[in-house]
Amino acid sequence: MNPGSAAMITLLLGIHWILNALEFFVVAWVILSWVAFFMQRSSFRWKHRRVFDTVVILNQFFETTTRPILGPFRRVLPPWKTGGIDFSPLLLLFVIYLLKTFLSLAFPLR
């Protein structure tokens, strides 16, 4: 294996790893935002204050991490045009899927 192909494989694996991490962060943020939303509107937040605070902190972390990436997708598909539902995470996950598919087809790792 020549050094050029090893560098290319390393680069592609790095891009794939970054896309997987981004996918995880988006899915985690979506789930945590719904959990925090329902915890906030029930008596759970008063009965289990530590758990609620932990969920809120994790939600804020994932939100601040994914907000810069979701920004362009929110401009394309703003929540106020879609009945108040934010479809930008779904659109981002679809773009990540397309990028991963393109990379695996264009540069197969054998």
Protein backbone atom coordinates (compact mmCIF):
# COMPACT_ATOMS: atom_id res chain seq x y z
CA MET A 1 0.00 0.00 0.00
CA ASN A 2 1.49 3.31 -1.01
CA PRO A 3 1.47 6.34 1.31
CA GLY A 4 -1.04 8.22 -0.86
CA SER A 5 -3.68 5.53 -0.57
CA ALA A 6 -3.05 5.15 3.17
CA ALA A 7 -3.56 8.89 3.62
CA MET A 8 -6.74 8.75 1.53
CA ILE A 9 -8.10 5.86 3.58
CA THR A 10 -7.29 7.71 6.79
CA LEU A 11 -9.01 10.84 5.50
CA LEU A 12 -12.12 8.92 4.42
CA LEU A 13 -12.32 7.08 7.73
CA GLY A 14 -11.96 10.40 9.56
CA ILE A 15 -14.77 11.96 7.52
CA HIS A 16 -16.94 8.89 8.12
CA TRP A 17 -16.23 9.06 11.87
CA ILE A 18 -17.12 12.77 11.97
CA LEU A 19 -20.39 12.10 10.11
CA ASN A 20 -21.24 9.28 12.54
CA ALA A 21 -20.53 11.52 15.53
CA LEU A 22 -22.65 14.30 14.05
CA GLU A 23 -25.46 11.84 13.42
CA PHE A 24 -25.27 10.67 17.05
CA PHE A 25 -25.29 14.25 18.36
CA VAL A 26 -28.36 15.18 16.30
CA VAL A 27 -30.33 12.08 17.35
CA ALA A 28 -29.32 12.54 21.00
CA TRP A 29 -30.37 16.20 20.92
CA VAL A 30 -33.74 15.39 19.35
CA ILE A 31 -34.50 12.71 21.94
CA LEU A 32 -33.27 14.79 24.88
CA SER A 33 -35.20 17.86 23.76
CA TRP A 34 -38.45 15.88 23.77
CA VAL A 35 -37.64 14.26 27.12
CA ALA A 36 -36.81 17.64 28.66
CA PHE A 37 -39.96 19.15 27.16
CA PHE A 38 -42.23 16.54 28.74
CA MET A 39 -40.32 16.51 32.03
CA GLN A 40 -40.75 20.26 32.27
CA ARG A 41 -44.51 20.03 31.88
CA SER A 42 -45.04 17.29 34.45
CA SER A 43 -44.40 16.84 38.14
CA PHE A 44 -41.28 14.80 37.33
CA ARG A 45 -39.06 17.87 37.50
CA TRP A 46 -40.07 18.53 41.11
CA LYS A 47 -39.96 14.91 42.27
CA HIS A 48 -36.64 14.03 40.60
CA ARG A 49 -34.78 17.33 40.49
CA ARG A 50 -31.29 15.88 39.90
CA VAL A 51 -32.41 13.78 36.95
CA PHE A 52 -34.26 16.74 35.47
CA ASP A 53 -31.24 19.03 35.89
CA THR A 54 -28.97 16.45 34.27
CA VAL A 55 -31.31 16.06 31.30
CA VAL A 56 -31.52 19.84 30.88
CA ILE A 57 -27.72 20.21 31.00
CA LEU A 58 -27.25 17.42 28.44
CA ASN A 59 -29.96 18.95 26.26
CA GLN A 60 -28.22 22.34 26.36
CA PHE A 61 -24.87 20.73 25.51
CA PHE A 62 -26.23 18.87 22.49
CA GLU A 63 -28.24 21.90 21.39
CA THR A 64 -25.25 24.24 21.46
CA THR A 65 -23.16 21.61 19.68
CA THR A 66 -25.64 21.03 16.85
CA ARG A 67 -27.04 24.57 16.50
CA PRO A 68 -24.30 25.87 14.12
CA ILE A 69 -24.77 22.87 11.85
CA LEU A 70 -28.57 22.99 11.93
CA GLY A 71 -28.67 26.75 11.23
CA PRO A 72 -28.52 26.54 7.42
CA PHE A 73 -31.12 23.79 7.40
CA ARG A 74 -33.43 25.89 9.58
CA ARG A 75 -33.14 28.72 7.06
CA VAL A 76 -34.19 26.35 4.27
CA LEU A 77 -37.01 24.80 6.30
CA PRO A 78 -38.03 27.19 9.12
CA PRO A 79 -40.31 25.79 11.86
CA TRP A 80 -42.86 28.58 11.46
CA LYS A 81 -43.51 27.42 7.87
CA THR A 82 -43.98 23.78 8.86
CA GLY A 83 -46.65 24.14 11.53
CA GLY A 84 -44.20 24.71 14.38
CA ILE A 85 -42.38 21.41 13.90
CA ASP A 86 -38.64 21.65 13.30
CA PHE A 87 -37.78 19.30 10.45
CA SER A 88 -34.20 20.56 10.14
CA PRO A 89 -32.69 17.61 12.11
CA LEU A 90 -34.45 15.20 9.77
CA LEU A 91 -33.13 17.10 6.76
CA LEU A 92 -29.61 17.09 8.22
CA LEU A 93 -29.77 13.34 8.89
CA PHE A 94 -30.87 12.80 5.29
CA VAL A 95 -27.92 14.87 4.01
CA ILE A 96 -25.54 12.91 6.25
CA TYR A 97 -26.97 9.67 4.86
CA LEU A 98 -26.46 10.94 1.30
CA LEU A 99 -22.88 12.00 2.05
CA LYS A 100 -22.03 8.64 3.62
CA THR A 101 -23.59 6.79 0.69
CA PHE A 102 -21.72 8.96 -1.82
CA LEU A 103 -18.41 8.45 -0.03
CA SER A 104 -18.86 4.68 0.19
CA LEU A 105 -19.78 4.44 -3.51
CA ALA A 106 -17.18 6.89 -4.82
CA PHE A 107 -14.32 5.63 -2.66
CA PRO A 108 -14.89 1.98 -1.69
CA LEU A 109 -12.53 0.87 1.07
CA ARG A 110 -11.19 -2.56 0.12
